[in-house]
PDB file of N, CA and C in Angstrom:
ATOM      1  N   UNK A   1       0.833  -1.186   0.000  1.00  0.00           N
ATOM      2  CA  UNK A   1       0.000   0.000   0.000  1.00  0.00           C
ATOM      3  C   UNK A   1       0.881   1.254   0.000  1.00  0.00           C
ATOM      4  N   UNK A   2       0.428   2.247  -0.754  1.00  0.00           N
ATOM      5  CA  UNK A   2       1.160   3.501  -0.820  1.00  0.00           C
ATOM      6  C   UNK A   2       0.850   4.357   0.398  1.00  0.00           C
ATOM      7  N   UNK A   3       1.812   5.167   0.774  1.00  0.00           N
ATOM      8  CA  UNK A   3       1.558   6.095   1.862  1.00  0.00           C
ATOM      9  C   UNK A   3       0.667   7.224   1.346  1.00  0.00           C
ATOM     10  N   UNK A   4       0.025   7.907   2.254  1.00  0.00           N
ATOM     11  CA  UNK A   4      -0.889   8.987   1.898  1.00  0.00           C
ATOM     12  C   UNK A   4      -0.142  10.081   1.131  1.00  0.00           C
ATOM     13  N   UNK A   5       1.057  10.423   1.561  1.00  0.00           N
ATOM     14  CA  UNK A   5       1.821  11.470   0.871  1.00  0.00           C
ATOM     15  C   UNK A   5       2.160  11.080  -0.568  1.00  0.00           C
ATOM     16  N   UNK A   6       2.516   9.824  -0.797  1.00  0.00           N
ATOM     17  CA  UNK A   6       2.820   9.370  -2.153  1.00  0.00           C
ATOM     18  C   UNK A   6       1.575   9.439  -3.032  1.00  0.00           C
ATOM     19  N   UNK A   7       0.439   9.083  -2.466  1.00  0.00           N
ATOM     20  CA  UNK A   7      -0.809   9.131  -3.222  1.00  0.00           C
ATOM     21  C   UNK A   7      -1.143  10.576  -3.584  1.00  0.00           C
ATOM     22  N   UNK A   8      -0.945  11.500  -2.645  1.00  0.00           N
ATOM     23  CA  UNK A   8      -1.224  12.910  -2.922  1.00  0.00           C
ATOM     24  C   UNK A   8      -0.312  13.420  -4.030  1.00  0.00           C
ATOM     25  N   UNK A   9       0.945  13.032  -4.027  1.00  0.00           N
ATOM     26  CA  UNK A   9       1.852  13.440  -5.101  1.00  0.00           C
ATOM     27  C   UNK A   9       1.364  12.904  -6.444  1.00  0.00           C
ATOM     28  N   UNK A  10       0.888  11.668  -6.464  1.00  0.00           N
ATOM     29  CA  UNK A  10       0.333  11.091  -7.689  1.00  0.00           C
ATOM     30  C   UNK A  10      -0.916  11.869  -8.123  1.00  0.00           C
ATOM     31  N   UNK A  11      -1.748  12.236  -7.172  1.00  0.00           N
ATOM     32  CA  UNK A  11      -2.961  13.001  -7.466  1.00  0.00           C
ATOM     33  C   UNK A  11      -2.616  14.342  -8.091  1.00  0.00           C
ATOM     34  N   UNK A  12      -1.580  14.987  -7.604  1.00  0.00           N
ATOM     35  CA  UNK A  12      -1.157  16.278  -8.139  1.00  0.00           C
ATOM     36  C   UNK A  12      -0.628  16.148  -9.567  1.00  0.00           C
ATOM     37  N   UNK A  13       0.107  15.069  -9.829  1.00  0.00           N
ATOM     38  CA  UNK A  13       0.681  14.859 -11.160  1.00  0.00           C
ATOM     39  C   UNK A  13      -0.360  14.461 -12.193  1.00  0.00           C
ATOM     40  N   UNK A  14      -1.304  13.596 -11.795  1.00  0.00           N
ATOM     41  CA  UNK A  14      -2.240  13.038 -12.766  1.00  0.00           C
ATOM     42  C   UNK A  14      -3.603  12.774 -12.110  1.00  0.00           C
ATOM     43  N   UNK A  15      -4.484  13.767 -12.043  1.00  0.00           N
ATOM     44  CA  UNK A  15      -5.783  13.579 -11.403  1.00  0.00           C
ATOM     45  C   UNK A  15      -6.665  12.540 -12.105  1.00  0.00           C
ATOM     46  N   UNK A  16      -6.419  12.296 -13.395  1.00  0.00           N
ATOM     47  CA  UNK A  16      -7.243  11.337 -14.129  1.00  0.00           C
ATOM     48  C   UNK A  16      -6.879   9.892 -13.821  1.00  0.00           C
ATOM     49  N   UNK A  17      -5.687   9.635 -13.330  1.00  0.00           N
ATOM     50  CA  UNK A  17      -5.227   8.261 -13.160  1.00  0.00           C
ATOM     51  C   UNK A  17      -5.249   7.755 -11.736  1.00  0.00           C
ATOM     52  N   UNK A  18      -6.083   8.311 -10.884  1.00  0.00           N
ATOM     53  CA  UNK A  18      -6.090   7.953  -9.468  1.00  0.00           C
ATOM     54  C   UNK A  18      -7.099   6.827  -9.227  1.00  0.00           C
ATOM     55  N   UNK A  19      -6.652   5.806  -8.521  1.00  0.00           N
ATOM     56  CA  UNK A  19      -7.576   4.727  -8.150  1.00  0.00           C
ATOM     57  C   UNK A  19      -8.528   5.224  -7.065  1.00  0.00           C
ATOM     58  N   UNK A  20      -9.753   4.747  -7.119  1.00  0.00           N
ATOM     59  CA  UNK A  20     -10.752   5.154  -6.139  1.00  0.00           C
ATOM     60  C   UNK A  20     -10.319   4.757  -4.726  1.00  0.00           C
ATOM     61  N   UNK A  21      -9.753   3.573  -4.569  1.00  0.00           N
ATOM     62  CA  UNK A  21      -9.319   3.117  -3.244  1.00  0.00           C
ATOM     63  C   UNK A  21      -8.262   4.055  -2.660  1.00  0.00           C
ATOM     64  N   UNK A  22      -7.380   4.584  -3.519  1.00  0.00           N
ATOM     65  CA  UNK A  22      -6.358   5.522  -3.052  1.00  0.00           C
ATOM     66  C   UNK A  22      -6.975   6.852  -2.626  1.00  0.00           C
ATOM     67  N   UNK A  23      -7.936   7.343  -3.412  1.00  0.00           N
ATOM     68  CA  UNK A  23      -8.606   8.596  -3.049  1.00  0.00           C
ATOM     69  C   UNK A  23      -9.348   8.432  -1.730  1.00  0.00           C
ATOM     70  N   UNK A  24      -9.980   7.299  -1.553  1.00  0.00           N
ATOM     71  CA  UNK A  24     -10.705   7.045  -0.307  1.00  0.00           C
ATOM     72  C   UNK A  24      -9.738   6.993   0.877  1.00  0.00           C
ATOM     73  N   UNK A  25      -8.579   6.401   0.687  1.00  0.00           N
ATOM     74  CA  UNK A  25      -7.572   6.331   1.751  1.00  0.00           C
ATOM     75  C   UNK A  25      -7.128   7.741   2.160  1.00  0.00           C
ATOM     76  N   UNK A  26      -6.909   8.606   1.184  1.00  0.00           N
ATOM     77  CA  UNK A  26      -6.505   9.992   1.463  1.00  0.00           C
ATOM     78  C   UNK A  26      -7.618  10.716   2.212  1.00  0.00           C
ATOM     79  N   UNK A  27      -8.852  10.562   1.753  1.00  0.00           N
ATOM     80  CA  UNK A  27      -9.985  11.236   2.405  1.00  0.00           C
ATOM     81  C   UNK A  27     -10.180  10.728   3.830  1.00  0.00           C
ATOM     82  N   UNK A  28     -10.079   9.420   4.027  1.00  0.00           N
ATOM     83  CA  UNK A  28     -10.213   8.858   5.378  1.00  0.00           C
ATOM     84  C   UNK A  28      -9.141   9.436   6.303  1.00  0.00           C
ATOM     85  N   UNK A  29      -7.935   9.584   5.780  1.00  0.00           N
ATOM     86  CA  UNK A  29      -6.821  10.108   6.581  1.00  0.00           C
ATOM     87  C   UNK A  29      -7.062  11.567   6.984  1.00  0.00           C
ATOM     88  N   UNK A  30      -7.517  12.384   6.057  1.00  0.00           N
ATOM     89  CA  UNK A  30      -7.655  13.820   6.312  1.00  0.00           C
ATOM     90  C   UNK A  30      -8.997  14.223   6.912  1.00  0.00           C
ATOM     91  N   UNK A  31     -10.070  13.515   6.585  1.00  0.00           N
ATOM     92  CA  UNK A  31     -11.411  13.949   6.987  1.00  0.00           C
ATOM     93  C   UNK A  31     -12.141  12.947   7.880  1.00  0.00           C
ATOM     94  N   UNK A  32     -11.525  11.828   8.214  1.00  0.00           N
ATOM     95  CA  UNK A  32     -12.184  10.818   9.037  1.00  0.00           C
ATOM     96  C   UNK A  32     -13.050   9.909   8.183  1.00  0.00           C
ATOM     97  N   UNK A  33     -13.777   9.029   8.835  1.00  0.00           N
ATOM     98  CA  UNK A  33     -14.624   8.095   8.109  1.00  0.00           C
ATOM     99  C   UNK A  33     -15.777   8.829   7.435  1.00  0.00           C
ATOM    100  N   UNK A  34     -16.014   8.476   6.196  1.00  0.00           N
ATOM    101  CA  UNK A  34     -17.131   9.058   5.462  1.00  0.00           C
ATOM    102  C   UNK A  34     -18.352   8.173   5.577  1.00  0.00           C
ATOM    103  N   UNK A  35     -19.493   8.750   5.233  1.00  0.00           N
ATOM    104  CA  UNK A  35     -20.704   7.934   5.232  1.00  0.00           C
ATOM    105  C   UNK A  35     -21.057   7.604   3.790  1.00  0.00           C
ATOM    106  N   UNK A  36     -21.533   6.387   3.583  1.00  0.00           N
ATOM    107  CA  UNK A  36     -21.865   5.932   2.240  1.00  0.00           C
ATOM    108  C   UNK A  36     -23.352   6.096   1.982  1.00  0.00           C
ATOM    109  N   UNK A  37     -23.656   6.612   0.790  1.00  0.00           N
ATOM    110  CA  UNK A  37     -25.047   6.806   0.408  1.00  0.00           C
ATOM    111  C   UNK A  37     -25.153   6.699  -1.109  1.00  0.00           C
ATOM    112  N   UNK A  38     -25.874   5.714  -1.577  1.00  0.00           N
ATOM    113  CA  UNK A  38     -26.152   5.542  -3.013  1.00  0.00           C
ATOM    114  C   UNK A  38     -24.885   5.530  -3.867  1.00  0.00           C
ATOM    115  N   UNK A  39     -23.871   4.810  -3.446  1.00  0.00           N
ATOM    116  CA  UNK A  39     -22.644   4.713  -4.222  1.00  0.00           C
ATOM    117  C   UNK A  39     -21.679   5.867  -4.043  1.00  0.00           C
ATOM    118  N   UNK A  40     -22.037   6.844  -3.250  1.00  0.00           N
ATOM    119  CA  UNK A  40     -21.176   7.988  -2.967  1.00  0.00           C
ATOM    120  C   UNK A  40     -20.668   7.867  -1.539  1.00  0.00           C
ATOM    121  N   UNK A  41     -19.493   8.399  -1.305  1.00  0.00           N
ATOM    122  CA  UNK A  41     -18.965   8.502   0.050  1.00  0.00           C
ATOM    123  C   UNK A  41     -18.821   9.986   0.344  1.00  0.00           C
ATOM    124  N   UNK A  42     -19.415  10.409   1.449  1.00  0.00           N
ATOM    125  CA  UNK A  42     -19.479  11.826   1.784  1.00  0.00           C
ATOM    126  C   UNK A  42     -18.686  12.070   3.058  1.00  0.00           C
ATOM    127  N   UNK A  43     -17.775  13.037   2.993  1.00  0.00           N
ATOM    128  CA  UNK A  43     -16.925  13.402   4.131  1.00  0.00           C
ATOM    129  C   UNK A  43     -17.274  14.811   4.571  1.00  0.00           C
ATOM    130  N   UNK A  44     -17.273  15.036   5.873  1.00  0.00           N
ATOM    131  CA  UNK A  44     -17.496  16.380   6.408  1.00  0.00           C
ATOM    132  C   UNK A  44     -16.167  17.103   6.517  1.00  0.00           C
ATOM    133  N   UNK A  45     -16.233  18.424   6.371  1.00  0.00           N
ATOM    134  CA  UNK A  45     -15.048  19.256   6.543  1.00  0.00           C
ATOM    135  C   UNK A  45     -15.308  20.230   7.693  1.00  0.00           C
ATOM    136  N   UNK A  46     -14.264  20.762   8.315  1.00  0.00           N
ATOM    137  CA  UNK A  46     -14.449  21.578   9.518  1.00  0.00           C
ATOM    138  C   UNK A  46     -14.844  23.033   9.268  1.00  0.00           C
ATOM    139  N   UNK A  47     -14.974  23.486   8.040  1.00  0.00           N
ATOM    140  CA  UNK A  47     -15.297  24.880   7.805  1.00  0.00           C
ATOM    141  C   UNK A  47     -16.759  25.052   7.403  1.00  0.00           C
ATOM    142  N   UNK A  48     -17.204  26.309   7.474  1.00  0.00           N
ATOM    143  CA  UNK A  48     -18.581  26.641   7.122  1.00  0.00           C
ATOM    144  C   UNK A  48     -18.739  26.704   5.612  1.00  0.00           C
ATOM    145  N   UNK A  49     -19.948  26.814   5.180  1.00  0.00           N
ATOM    146  CA  UNK A  49     -20.226  26.829   3.755  1.00  0.00           C
ATOM    147  C   UNK A  49     -20.670  25.446   3.339  1.00  0.00           C
ATOM    148  N   UNK A  50     -20.161  24.965   2.233  1.00  0.00           N
ATOM    149  CA  UNK A  50     -20.501  23.610   1.803  1.00  0.00           C
ATOM    150  C   UNK A  50     -19.495  22.659   2.436  1.00  0.00           C
ATOM    151  N   UNK A  51     -19.837  22.106   3.566  1.00  0.00           N
ATOM    152  CA  UNK A  51     -18.853  21.349   4.348  1.00  0.00           C
ATOM    153  C   UNK A  51     -18.764  19.880   3.962  1.00  0.00           C
ATOM    154  N   UNK A  52     -18.768  19.579   2.668  1.00  0.00           N
ATOM    155  CA  UNK A  52     -18.722  18.177   2.293  1.00  0.00           C
ATOM    156  C   UNK A  52     -17.739  17.929   1.165  1.00  0.00           C
ATOM    157  N   UNK A  53     -17.176  16.739   1.201  1.00  0.00           N
ATOM    158  CA  UNK A  53     -16.397  16.200   0.098  1.00  0.00           C
ATOM    159  C   UNK A  53     -17.166  14.969  -0.352  1.00  0.00           C
ATOM    160  N   UNK A  54     -17.471  14.892  -1.630  1.00  0.00           N
ATOM    161  CA  UNK A  54     -18.272  13.810  -2.159  1.00  0.00           C
ATOM    162  C   UNK A  54     -17.448  13.078  -3.217  1.00  0.00           C
ATOM    163  N   UNK A  55     -17.221  11.769  -3.019  1.00  0.00           N
ATOM    164  CA  UNK A  55     -16.472  10.994  -4.008  1.00  0.00           C
ATOM    165  C   UNK A  55     -17.299   9.780  -4.415  1.00  0.00           C
ATOM    166  N   UNK A  56     -17.022   9.280  -5.623  1.00  0.00           N
ATOM    167  CA  UNK A  56     -17.721   8.088  -6.082  1.00  0.00           C
ATOM    168  C   UNK A  56     -16.800   7.240  -6.942  1.00  0.00           C
ATOM    169  N   UNK A  57     -17.086   5.950  -6.936  1.00  0.00           N
ATOM    170  CA  UNK A  57     -16.295   4.977  -7.673  1.00  0.00           C
ATOM    171  C   UNK A  57     -16.774   4.930  -9.115  1.00  0.00           C
ATOM    172  N   UNK A  58     -15.853   5.089 -10.054  1.00  0.00           N
ATOM    173  CA  UNK A  58     -16.167   5.004 -11.478  1.00  0.00           C
ATOM    174  C   UNK A  58     -15.331   3.881 -12.085  1.00  0.00           C
ATOM    175  N   UNK A  59     -15.813   2.653 -11.923  1.00  0.00           N
ATOM    176  CA  UNK A  59     -15.134   1.453 -12.440  1.00  0.00           C
ATOM    177  C   UNK A  59     -13.716   1.326 -11.893  1.00  0.00           C
ATOM    178  N   UNK A  60     -13.574   1.582 -10.597  1.00  0.00           N
ATOM    179  CA  UNK A  60     -12.279   1.440  -9.939  1.00  0.00           C
ATOM    180  C   UNK A  60     -11.426   2.695  -9.941  1.00  0.00           C
ATOM    181  N   UNK A  61     -11.835   3.685 -10.698  1.00  0.00           N
ATOM    182  CA  UNK A  61     -11.087   4.942 -10.772  1.00  0.00           C
ATOM    183  C   UNK A  61     -11.857   6.054 -10.079  1.00  0.00           C
ATOM    184  N   UNK A  62     -11.134   7.076  -9.668  1.00  0.00           N
ATOM    185  CA  UNK A  62     -11.752   8.277  -9.101  1.00  0.00           C
ATOM    186  C   UNK A  62     -12.000   9.259 -10.234  1.00  0.00           C
ATOM    187  N   UNK A  63     -13.038  10.039 -10.103  1.00  0.00           N
ATOM    188  CA  UNK A  63     -13.317  11.066 -11.105  1.00  0.00           C
ATOM    189  C   UNK A  63     -12.342  12.227 -10.904  1.00  0.00           C
ATOM    190  N   UNK A  64     -11.804  12.737 -12.005  1.00  0.00           N
ATOM    191  CA  UNK A  64     -10.745  13.750 -11.936  1.00  0.00           C
ATOM    192  C   UNK A  64     -11.208  15.010 -11.226  1.00  0.00           C
ATOM    193  N   UNK A  65     -12.440  15.447 -11.468  1.00  0.00           N
ATOM    194  CA  UNK A  65     -12.895  16.678 -10.816  1.00  0.00           C
ATOM    195  C   UNK A  65     -13.026  16.487  -9.308  1.00  0.00           C
ATOM    196  N   UNK A  66     -13.340  15.274  -8.877  1.00  0.00           N
ATOM    197  CA  UNK A  66     -13.419  14.999  -7.446  1.00  0.00           C
ATOM    198  C   UNK A  66     -12.026  14.946  -6.824  1.00  0.00           C
ATOM    199  N   UNK A  67     -11.056  14.437  -7.566  1.00  0.00           N
ATOM    200  CA  UNK A  67      -9.667  14.439  -7.092  1.00  0.00           C
ATOM    201  C   UNK A  67      -9.203  15.879  -6.888  1.00  0.00           C
ATOM    202  N   UNK A  68      -9.506  16.757  -7.832  1.00  0.00           N
ATOM    203  CA  UNK A  68      -9.121  18.167  -7.697  1.00  0.00           C
ATOM    204  C   UNK A  68      -9.826  18.825  -6.507  1.00  0.00           C
ATOM    205  N   UNK A  69     -11.089  18.482  -6.273  1.00  0.00           N
ATOM    206  CA  UNK A  69     -11.809  19.020  -5.121  1.00  0.00           C
ATOM    207  C   UNK A  69     -11.167  18.571  -3.810  1.00  0.00           C
ATOM    208  N   UNK A  70     -10.756  17.304  -3.745  1.00  0.00           N
ATOM    209  CA  UNK A  70     -10.107  16.791  -2.539  1.00  0.00           C
ATOM    210  C   UNK A  70      -8.782  17.507  -2.318  1.00  0.00           C
ATOM    211  N   UNK A  71      -7.999  17.689  -3.374  1.00  0.00           N
ATOM    212  CA  UNK A  71      -6.719  18.399  -3.237  1.00  0.00           C
ATOM    213  C   UNK A  71      -6.930  19.826  -2.741  1.00  0.00           C
ATOM    214  N   UNK A  72      -7.940  20.503  -3.260  1.00  0.00           N
ATOM    215  CA  UNK A  72      -8.242  21.865  -2.837  1.00  0.00           C
ATOM    216  C   UNK A  72      -8.663  21.882  -1.357  1.00  0.00           C
ATOM    217  N   UNK A  73      -9.455  20.908  -0.938  1.00  0.00           N
ATOM    218  CA  UNK A  73      -9.894  20.840   0.459  1.00  0.00           C
ATOM    219  C   UNK A  73      -8.716  20.531   1.385  1.00  0.00           C
ATOM    220  N   UNK A  74      -7.809  19.676   0.956  1.00  0.00           N
ATOM    221  CA  UNK A  74      -6.636  19.370   1.785  1.00  0.00           C
ATOM    222  C   UNK A  74      -5.770  20.612   1.937  1.00  0.00           C
ATOM    223  N   UNK A  75      -5.582  21.350   0.852  1.00  0.00           N
ATOM    224  CA  UNK A  75      -4.794  22.593   0.918  1.00  0.00           C
ATOM    225  C   UNK A  75      -5.444  23.577   1.886  1.00  0.00           C
ATOM    226  N   UNK A  76      -6.748  23.695   1.828  1.00  0.00           N
ATOM    227  CA  UNK A  76      -7.457  24.596   2.751  1.00  0.00           C
ATOM    228  C   UNK A  76      -7.354  24.104   4.195  1.00  0.00           C
ATOM    229  N   UNK A  77      -7.404  22.815   4.374  1.00  0.00           N
ATOM    230  CA  UNK A  77      -7.311  22.222   5.715  1.00  0.00           C
ATOM    231  C   UNK A  77      -5.941  22.475   6.335  1.00  0.00           C
ATOM    232  N   UNK A  78      -4.902  22.474   5.515  1.00  0.00           N
ATOM    233  CA  UNK A  78      -3.538  22.644   6.015  1.00  0.00           C
ATOM    234  C   UNK A  78      -3.178  24.088   6.286  1.00  0.00           C
ATOM    235  N   UNK A  79      -4.037  25.033   5.873  1.00  0.00           N
ATOM    236  CA  UNK A  79      -3.771  26.456   6.181  1.00  0.00           C
ATOM    237  C   UNK A  79      -3.975  26.660   7.603  1.00  0.00           C
TER     238      UNK A  79
END
């Protein structure tokens, strides 16, 4: 298994080529356990506004726009 930091580096280089399991591992690490609903996994974030990260499995891959959203949320979380 890859470490979370290695997965994030891969996400930054190629958002289209990220495995869903890897994206879920990163989200679990940064946002805690998500809740599953209708094939989506939803994570809460600590800030106001739209406090959710929503990811879904697309034949074993993560959707690129969701990978970018997760990266943006992690950057905001680390501020």
